[in-house]
Amino acid sequence: MARSFSSCIGLLVVFGLAFMFTAADATAKPPANRWVDHWQATTRQWRALHISSPAPNKIAETEKFVRDILAPMGINVLILEVNYGFEFASHPELGCHGITKAQARHLADVCHRGGIRLIPLFNCLGHQSWAKNTQPLLKVYRQFDEAPDVPLDNKGIYCREWCPSEPKVYDVVFDLIDELIDAFDADAVHVGMDEVFLIGKKGCPRCQGKDVAALFASVVNRLHQHIVREKKLEMLMWGDRLLDAKVMGYGKWESSETGSSGAIDRIPKDIIICDWHYPKRADYPSVRYFQKKGFRVLPATWKTPDAAVALIQCAQHDPTDRMLGILFTGWSCGSGGAQLMQALVQPNANRDPKNTGARVAATIRAGLRALKTAR
């Protein structure tokens, strides 16, 4: 009896220790997002749409757009370009205004109920200005600027960029990204990284003369460390700066002439590359190139139906398991994609070829048909 009692005590101790270690492991490893696990298990093909973030007083219209139009037509990913259009609490000195945390969370819930994965986009490195308007980060923190010698009216440059060699910039940027992750209950973040032209050029005392590929890779790797390794989320970025213009033949916008393309072999392969090409071409070699390099690829199109169909046909020709689907971009379609929403609701209301919303709507319809045909 005593031996049996001792044995029971021993078993209890063993089970107790096992429970303690299991509990400790559960604490160390955050529980998986059950919604995204189900989404990934049941989603065969990404049918994604990119739009700009809505104004706070238009959030209800965006929710209606998601619920009544996007979900029924089969869109299953929404990449929402937020940038500084959010009520950031961590850095009030930036003076950012936009949607609130509560609005972001509610929009995410609406997306999830419709089977749509919501991914916030925050432009990193480049696109820190537009025309004469400099974005809050470099307006407040002038010491983070890659081109401090260029006046704030941005004359003579396309867009400002932050300095990849200034470590303190990440203290601010990671705070902003973390707020978006929390607000949108995000399981992935799109970090932008497109159309970077100033990096490593004369003007920045920290970067001048350094290897551009190494500089570009350093930013990607810092972002990946924080988003993927630390936060355990997925990371997306535009692919243009990873393509050599001389090899690909795309030109300086869809590919790089600055030497940044060499970064492709210096960054992690679990990043999802959004490979954007908007004109119609006979071939899109980068679609295969990125897959051969080991990346998952999401080709992106814009406002030309024939170009979208050509890109989809290229992507669906002998694809690997790294080919995800298609991304329709809603550039110049207004806050929250308002013009696009109107065009999808009333397809015959505006046939003006200069109306971007109507052209993007036509592109989405043509693209979805092409995807269905390619199955």
Protein backbone atom coordinates (compact mmCIF):
# COMPACT_ATOMS: atom_id res chain seq x y z
CA MET A 1 0.00 0.00 0.00
CA ALA A 2 2.81 2.37 0.96
CA ARG A 3 4.63 1.45 -2.24
CA SER A 4 1.48 2.11 -4.27
CA PHE A 5 0.95 5.42 -2.49
CA SER A 6 4.57 6.41 -3.18
CA SER A 7 4.14 5.42 -6.79
CA CYS A 8 1.04 7.61 -7.06
CA ILE A 9 2.91 10.51 -5.50
CA GLY A 10 5.74 10.00 -7.98
CA LEU A 11 3.33 9.96 -10.90
CA LEU A 12 1.65 13.11 -9.66
CA VAL A 13 5.04 14.84 -9.43
CA VAL A 14 5.94 13.71 -12.94
CA PHE A 15 2.60 14.86 -14.35
CA GLY A 16 2.88 18.10 -12.41
CA LEU A 17 6.33 18.82 -13.82
CA ALA A 18 5.12 17.91 -17.30
CA PHE A 19 2.22 20.32 -16.91
CA MET A 20 4.56 23.06 -15.70
CA PHE A 21 6.87 22.62 -18.68
CA THR A 22 3.93 22.48 -21.09
CA ALA A 23 2.50 25.66 -19.58
CA ALA A 24 5.88 27.33 -19.82
CA ASP A 25 6.17 26.33 -23.49
CA ALA A 26 2.66 27.66 -24.14
CA THR A 27 3.67 30.94 -22.58
CA ALA A 28 6.90 31.11 -24.58
CA LYS A 29 5.15 30.40 -27.88
CA PRO A 30 2.13 32.62 -28.56
CA PRO A 31 -0.93 30.71 -29.80
CA ALA A 32 -1.37 30.60 -33.55
CA ASN A 33 -3.94 32.87 -35.12
CA ARG A 34 -6.72 30.33 -35.65
CA TRP A 35 -8.43 32.46 -38.28
CA VAL A 36 -5.36 32.70 -40.51
CA ASP A 37 -4.56 29.01 -40.01
CA HIS A 38 -7.99 28.17 -41.42
CA TRP A 39 -7.59 30.76 -44.20
CA GLN A 40 -4.23 29.32 -45.26
CA ALA A 41 -5.53 25.75 -45.13
CA THR A 42 -8.55 26.52 -47.30
CA THR A 43 -7.17 29.17 -49.69
CA ARG A 44 -5.82 27.67 -52.89
CA GLN A 45 -5.15 30.93 -54.69
CA TRP A 46 -4.66 34.54 -53.57
CA ARG A 47 -7.09 36.97 -55.21
CA ALA A 48 -5.80 40.15 -53.63
CA LEU A 49 -6.69 43.83 -53.90
CA HIS A 50 -4.60 46.81 -52.83
CA ILE A 51 -6.32 50.11 -51.94
CA SER A 52 -5.44 53.17 -49.90
CA SER A 53 -6.74 53.51 -46.37
CA PRO A 54 -10.08 55.32 -46.06
CA ALA A 55 -10.63 58.60 -44.24
CA PRO A 56 -12.08 58.07 -40.74
CA ASN A 57 -15.50 59.36 -41.78
CA LYS A 58 -15.59 56.91 -44.71
CA ILE A 59 -14.79 53.71 -42.83
CA ALA A 60 -18.41 52.51 -42.95
CA GLU A 61 -18.36 52.79 -46.75
CA THR A 62 -15.18 50.72 -46.90
CA GLU A 63 -16.77 48.07 -44.71
CA LYS A 64 -19.77 47.97 -47.04
CA PHE A 65 -17.37 47.72 -49.99
CA VAL A 66 -15.73 44.68 -48.37
CA ARG A 67 -18.95 43.02 -47.25
CA ASP A 68 -21.20 43.61 -50.27
CA ILE A 69 -18.77 43.72 -53.20
CA LEU A 70 -15.29 42.32 -52.58
CA ALA A 71 -16.21 39.18 -50.64
CA PRO A 72 -19.03 38.10 -53.01
CA MET A 73 -16.82 38.59 -56.08
CA GLY A 74 -14.12 36.34 -54.62
CA ILE A 75 -11.45 38.74 -53.35
CA ASN A 76 -9.77 37.00 -50.41
CA VAL A 77 -6.90 39.38 -49.52
CA LEU A 78 -7.09 43.13 -48.89
CA ILE A 79 -3.79 45.01 -48.71
CA LEU A 80 -4.65 48.32 -47.09
CA GLU A 81 -2.03 51.03 -47.59
CA VAL A 82 -2.14 52.91 -44.29
CA ASN A 83 1.25 54.62 -44.05
CA TYR A 84 0.78 57.67 -41.77
CA GLY A 85 -3.02 57.74 -42.09
CA PHE A 86 -3.58 56.36 -38.60
CA GLU A 87 -4.02 57.83 -35.12
CA PHE A 88 -0.66 56.65 -33.82
CA ALA A 89 -0.38 56.90 -30.04
CA SER A 90 3.27 55.91 -29.67
CA HIS A 91 4.66 59.01 -31.44
CA PRO A 92 2.25 61.93 -31.10
CA GLU A 93 5.05 64.27 -32.18
CA LEU A 94 4.49 63.06 -35.75
CA GLY A 95 1.00 64.60 -35.76
CA CYS A 96 -0.50 61.71 -37.74
CA HIS A 97 -4.24 61.67 -38.37
CA GLY A 98 -6.45 58.96 -39.79
CA ILE A 99 -8.42 55.91 -38.78
CA THR A 100 -8.43 54.86 -35.14
CA LYS A 101 -7.49 51.57 -33.54
CA ALA A 102 -11.16 50.75 -32.93
CA GLN A 103 -12.02 51.42 -36.59
CA ALA A 104 -9.09 49.31 -37.77
CA ARG A 105 -10.11 46.37 -35.59
CA HIS A 106 -13.73 46.56 -36.74
CA LEU A 107 -12.67 46.65 -40.40
CA ALA A 108 -10.47 43.61 -39.78
CA ASP A 109 -13.44 41.79 -38.25
CA VAL A 110 -15.60 42.63 -41.27
CA CYS A 111 -12.88 41.28 -43.58
CA HIS A 112 -12.49 38.08 -41.58
CA ARG A 113 -16.22 37.42 -41.61
CA GLY A 114 -16.07 37.66 -45.41
CA GLY A 115 -13.11 35.30 -45.66
CA ILE A 116 -10.74 38.16 -46.52
CA ARG A 117 -7.25 38.41 -45.05
CA LEU A 118 -6.46 42.04 -44.18
CA ILE A 119 -2.79 43.06 -44.49
CA PRO A 120 -1.75 46.62 -43.57
CA LEU A 121 0.91 48.30 -45.70
CA PHE A 122 3.39 50.80 -44.27
CA ASN A 123 5.84 52.30 -46.76
CA CYS A 124 9.39 51.69 -45.59
CA LEU A 125 12.60 53.36 -46.77
CA GLY A 126 11.15 55.09 -49.85
CA HIS A 127 7.99 57.09 -50.50
CA GLN A 128 8.63 59.36 -47.52
CA SER A 129 7.29 62.29 -49.55
CA TRP A 130 5.01 62.96 -52.48
CA ALA A 131 5.38 66.04 -54.69
CA LYS A 132 5.98 68.98 -52.30
CA ASN A 133 4.57 67.17 -49.28
CA THR A 134 7.09 65.46 -46.97
CA GLN A 135 5.68 62.69 -44.80
CA PRO A 136 5.70 63.13 -40.99
CA LEU A 137 8.71 60.93 -40.23
CA LEU A 138 11.26 63.02 -42.14
CA LYS A 139 9.46 66.27 -41.46
CA VAL A 140 9.93 65.77 -37.71
CA TYR A 141 13.14 63.73 -37.68
CA ARG A 142 15.31 65.54 -40.20
CA GLN A 143 18.34 63.55 -38.97
CA PHE A 144 16.81 60.38 -40.49
CA ASP A 145 16.84 61.77 -44.04
CA GLU A 146 18.88 60.12 -46.80
CA ALA A 147 18.95 63.43 -48.70
CA PRO A 148 19.36 66.13 -46.02
CA ASP A 149 20.71 68.55 -48.62
CA VAL A 150 17.42 68.51 -50.59
CA PRO A 151 14.93 71.21 -49.48
CA LEU A 152 11.62 70.03 -48.02
CA ASP A 153 9.76 71.10 -51.16
CA ASN A 154 11.48 68.04 -52.73
CA LYS A 155 12.45 69.85 -55.91
CA GLY A 156 14.48 67.64 -58.23
CA ILE A 157 13.70 64.29 -56.58
CA TYR A 158 10.93 61.72 -56.93
CA CYS A 159 10.40 60.82 -53.26
CA ARG A 160 12.38 61.21 -50.09
CA GLU A 161 13.87 58.16 -48.35
CA TRP A 162 15.02 57.50 -44.84
CA CYS A 163 18.67 56.70 -44.20
CA PRO A 164 19.32 52.94 -44.00
CA SER A 165 22.51 53.57 -42.02
CA GLU A 166 20.78 55.48 -39.20
CA PRO A 167 19.85 52.90 -36.52
CA LYS A 168 17.57 55.23 -34.54
CA VAL A 169 15.04 55.41 -37.38
CA TYR A 170 13.96 51.86 -36.56
CA ASP A 171 13.07 52.79 -32.98
CA VAL A 172 10.32 54.98 -34.38
CA VAL A 173 9.30 52.86 -37.38
CA PHE A 174 8.94 49.65 -35.38
CA ASP A 175 6.69 51.41 -32.89
CA LEU A 176 4.43 52.52 -35.74
CA ILE A 177 4.38 49.07 -37.35
CA ASP A 178 3.61 47.44 -34.00
CA GLU A 179 0.61 49.72 -33.54
CA LEU A 180 -0.74 48.72 -36.94
CA ILE A 181 -0.20 45.04 -36.18
CA ASP A 182 -2.14 45.38 -32.94
CA ALA A 183 -4.91 47.56 -34.36
CA PHE A 184 -5.60 45.36 -37.39
CA ASP A 185 -4.96 42.10 -35.51
CA ALA A 186 -2.58 41.51 -38.40
CA ASP A 187 -0.88 38.23 -39.25
CA ALA A 188 1.21 39.86 -42.01
CA VAL A 189 2.65 43.27 -42.89
CA HIS A 190 3.49 44.74 -46.30
CA VAL A 191 6.56 46.99 -45.96
CA GLY A 192 6.55 48.67 -49.38
CA MET A 193 10.23 49.18 -50.37
CA ASP A 194 9.49 50.15 -53.99
CA GLU A 195 10.87 52.88 -56.25
CA VAL A 196 13.95 53.69 -54.15
CA PHE A 197 16.34 55.90 -56.12
CA LEU A 198 18.37 58.04 -53.68
CA ILE A 199 19.95 55.28 -51.59
CA GLY A 200 23.74 55.52 -51.35
CA LYS A 201 23.97 58.67 -53.44
CA LYS A 202 25.91 61.82 -52.69
CA GLY A 203 24.29 63.83 -49.94
CA CYS A 204 24.05 61.37 -47.05
CA PRO A 205 27.24 61.41 -44.95
CA ARG A 206 26.48 57.90 -43.63
CA CYS A 207 25.63 56.12 -46.89
CA GLN A 208 27.58 57.95 -49.55
CA GLY A 209 29.85 55.56 -51.46
CA LYS A 210 28.56 52.39 -49.77
CA ASP A 211 27.39 49.33 -51.68
CA VAL A 212 23.75 49.98 -52.61
CA ALA A 213 22.78 46.31 -52.56
CA ALA A 214 24.16 45.95 -49.03
CA LEU A 215 22.34 49.09 -47.89
CA PHE A 216 19.02 47.94 -49.35
CA ALA A 217 19.42 44.44 -47.93
CA SER A 218 20.18 45.88 -44.50
CA VAL A 219 16.77 47.57 -44.38
CA VAL A 220 14.94 44.45 -45.58
CA ASN A 221 16.76 42.33 -43.00
CA ARG A 222 16.02 44.73 -40.13
CA LEU A 223 12.34 44.69 -41.04
CA HIS A 224 12.34 40.91 -41.41
CA GLN A 225 14.03 40.45 -38.03
CA HIS A 226 11.31 42.47 -36.33
CA ILE A 227 8.22 41.34 -38.25
CA VAL A 228 9.01 37.70 -38.99
CA ARG A 229 11.52 36.53 -36.41
CA GLU A 230 10.28 38.53 -33.44
CA LYS A 231 6.58 39.04 -34.17
CA LYS A 232 6.13 35.67 -35.97
CA LEU A 233 4.19 37.27 -38.83
CA GLU A 234 4.56 37.10 -42.60
CA MET A 235 6.23 39.93 -44.51
CA LEU A 236 5.43 41.19 -48.01
CA MET A 237 7.30 43.73 -50.12
CA TRP A 238 7.34 45.09 -53.66
CA GLY A 239 9.94 43.40 -55.85
CA ASP A 240 11.12 46.09 -58.28
CA ARG A 241 14.36 47.00 -56.47
CA LEU A 242 15.45 43.35 -56.50
CA LEU A 243 15.44 43.18 -60.31
CA ASP A 244 18.34 44.20 -62.53
CA ALA A 245 17.01 46.47 -65.28
CA LYS A 246 19.75 45.38 -67.69
CA VAL A 247 18.85 41.73 -67.28
CA MET A 248 15.06 42.00 -67.10
CA GLY A 249 14.54 44.77 -69.66
CA TYR A 250 11.77 46.42 -67.65
CA GLY A 251 13.27 49.91 -67.23
CA LYS A 252 14.10 51.89 -64.10
CA TRP A 253 10.62 51.84 -62.55
CA GLU A 254 9.76 48.14 -62.65
CA SER A 255 13.39 47.21 -62.00
CA SER A 256 16.56 48.79 -60.63
CA GLU A 257 19.39 50.70 -62.27
CA THR A 258 21.06 51.65 -58.98
CA GLY A 259 22.66 48.32 -58.06
CA SER A 260 20.10 47.40 -55.40
CA SER A 261 19.20 44.21 -57.32
CA GLY A 262 22.18 42.46 -55.73
CA ALA A 263 20.26 42.45 -52.45
CA ILE A 264 18.18 39.53 -53.70
CA ASP A 265 20.79 37.02 -52.52
CA ARG A 266 21.20 38.71 -49.13
CA ILE A 267 17.64 38.60 -47.80
CA PRO A 268 15.46 35.77 -46.38
CA LYS A 269 13.51 33.67 -48.85
CA ASP A 270 10.33 33.52 -46.75
CA ILE A 271 9.43 37.08 -47.78
CA ILE A 272 6.48 37.28 -50.18
CA ILE A 273 7.45 39.31 -53.25
CA CYS A 274 4.76 41.42 -54.92
CA ASP A 275 6.07 41.54 -58.48
CA TRP A 276 4.30 44.53 -60.06
CA HIS A 277 4.10 45.12 -63.82
CA TYR A 278 1.44 47.33 -65.34
CA PRO A 279 2.00 47.49 -69.14
CA LYS A 280 1.12 44.55 -71.39
CA ARG A 281 4.20 42.52 -72.33
CA ALA A 282 4.88 39.36 -74.28
CA ASP A 283 6.63 37.94 -71.21
CA TYR A 284 7.28 38.73 -67.55
CA PRO A 285 10.56 36.90 -66.77
CA SER A 286 10.70 38.14 -63.17
CA VAL A 287 7.73 35.93 -62.27
CA ARG A 288 9.90 32.86 -62.91
CA TYR A 289 13.07 34.51 -61.61
CA PHE A 290 11.70 35.16 -58.13
CA GLN A 291 10.38 31.61 -57.85
CA LYS A 292 13.75 30.17 -58.90
CA LYS A 293 15.37 32.29 -56.22
CA GLY A 294 13.10 30.62 -53.65
CA PHE A 295 10.54 33.37 -52.99
CA ARG A 296 6.77 33.09 -52.96
CA VAL A 297 5.46 35.45 -55.63
CA LEU A 298 2.31 37.53 -55.91
CA PRO A 299 2.26 39.20 -59.36
CA ALA A 300 0.59 42.62 -59.36
CA THR A 301 -1.33 44.45 -62.09
CA TRP A 302 -3.14 47.80 -62.29
CA LYS A 303 -5.57 49.32 -64.79
CA THR A 304 -5.15 47.57 -68.15
CA PRO A 305 -7.29 44.43 -68.59
CA ASP A 306 -5.15 42.98 -71.39
CA ALA A 307 -2.02 43.43 -69.30
CA ALA A 308 -3.64 41.69 -66.33
CA VAL A 309 -4.63 38.72 -68.46
CA ALA A 310 -1.13 38.51 -69.98
CA LEU A 311 0.49 38.61 -66.54
CA ILE A 312 -1.85 35.95 -65.16
CA GLN A 313 -1.27 33.68 -68.16
CA CYS A 314 2.49 34.06 -67.71
CA ALA A 315 2.24 33.34 -63.99
CA GLN A 316 0.04 30.27 -64.56
CA HIS A 317 2.39 28.75 -67.14
CA ASP A 318 4.21 25.91 -65.33
CA PRO A 319 3.93 27.57 -61.91
CA THR A 320 5.65 26.20 -58.82
CA ASP A 321 4.00 25.99 -55.41
CA ARG A 322 5.55 29.42 -54.78
CA MET A 323 3.11 31.13 -57.16
CA LEU A 324 0.37 32.55 -54.95
CA GLY A 325 -2.16 34.15 -57.31
CA ILE A 326 -2.70 37.77 -58.37
CA LEU A 327 -2.75 41.22 -56.79
CA PHE A 328 -4.97 43.94 -58.30
CA THR A 329 -3.73 47.41 -57.34
CA GLY A 330 -6.08 50.34 -56.83
CA TRP A 331 -3.72 53.28 -57.32
CA SER A 332 -5.46 56.60 -57.96
CA CYS A 333 -8.87 55.18 -57.06
CA GLY A 334 -9.43 57.52 -54.13
CA SER A 335 -9.49 57.09 -50.38
CA GLY A 336 -10.58 53.58 -49.54
CA GLY A 337 -10.86 52.81 -53.25
CA ALA A 338 -13.99 54.99 -53.53
CA GLN A 339 -13.83 55.33 -57.34
CA LEU A 340 -13.29 51.60 -57.71
CA MET A 341 -16.23 50.85 -55.44
CA GLN A 342 -18.50 53.08 -57.52
CA ALA A 343 -17.32 51.46 -60.74
CA LEU A 344 -17.93 47.95 -59.42
CA VAL A 345 -21.40 48.86 -58.16
CA GLN A 346 -22.41 50.63 -61.39
CA PRO A 347 -20.24 49.16 -64.18
CA ASN A 348 -21.95 51.16 -66.94
CA ALA A 349 -22.14 54.47 -65.07
CA ASN A 350 -18.78 55.77 -66.23
CA ARG A 351 -17.11 54.49 -69.37
CA ASP A 352 -14.61 57.33 -69.58
CA PRO A 353 -11.26 55.67 -70.48
CA LYS A 354 -9.51 58.22 -68.28
CA ASN A 355 -11.47 57.17 -65.18
CA THR A 356 -9.02 55.06 -63.20
CA GLY A 357 -11.69 53.46 -61.04
CA ALA A 358 -13.55 52.18 -64.09
CA ARG A 359 -10.34 50.86 -65.65
CA VAL A 360 -9.29 49.07 -62.47
CA ALA A 361 -12.77 47.57 -62.14
CA ALA A 362 -12.56 46.26 -65.71
CA THR A 363 -9.10 44.88 -64.98
CA ILE A 364 -10.33 43.02 -61.91
CA ARG A 365 -13.20 41.45 -63.82
CA ALA A 366 -10.91 40.38 -66.67
CA GLY A 367 -8.32 39.10 -64.24
CA LEU A 368 -10.77 37.02 -62.24
CA ARG A 369 -12.09 35.46 -65.46
CA ALA A 370 -8.52 34.63 -66.51
CA LEU A 371 -7.83 33.01 -63.14
CA LYS A 372 -10.95 30.87 -63.45
CA THR A 373 -9.96 29.80 -66.97
CA ALA A 374 -6.42 28.94 -65.86
CA ARG A 375 -7.55 26.44 -63.19
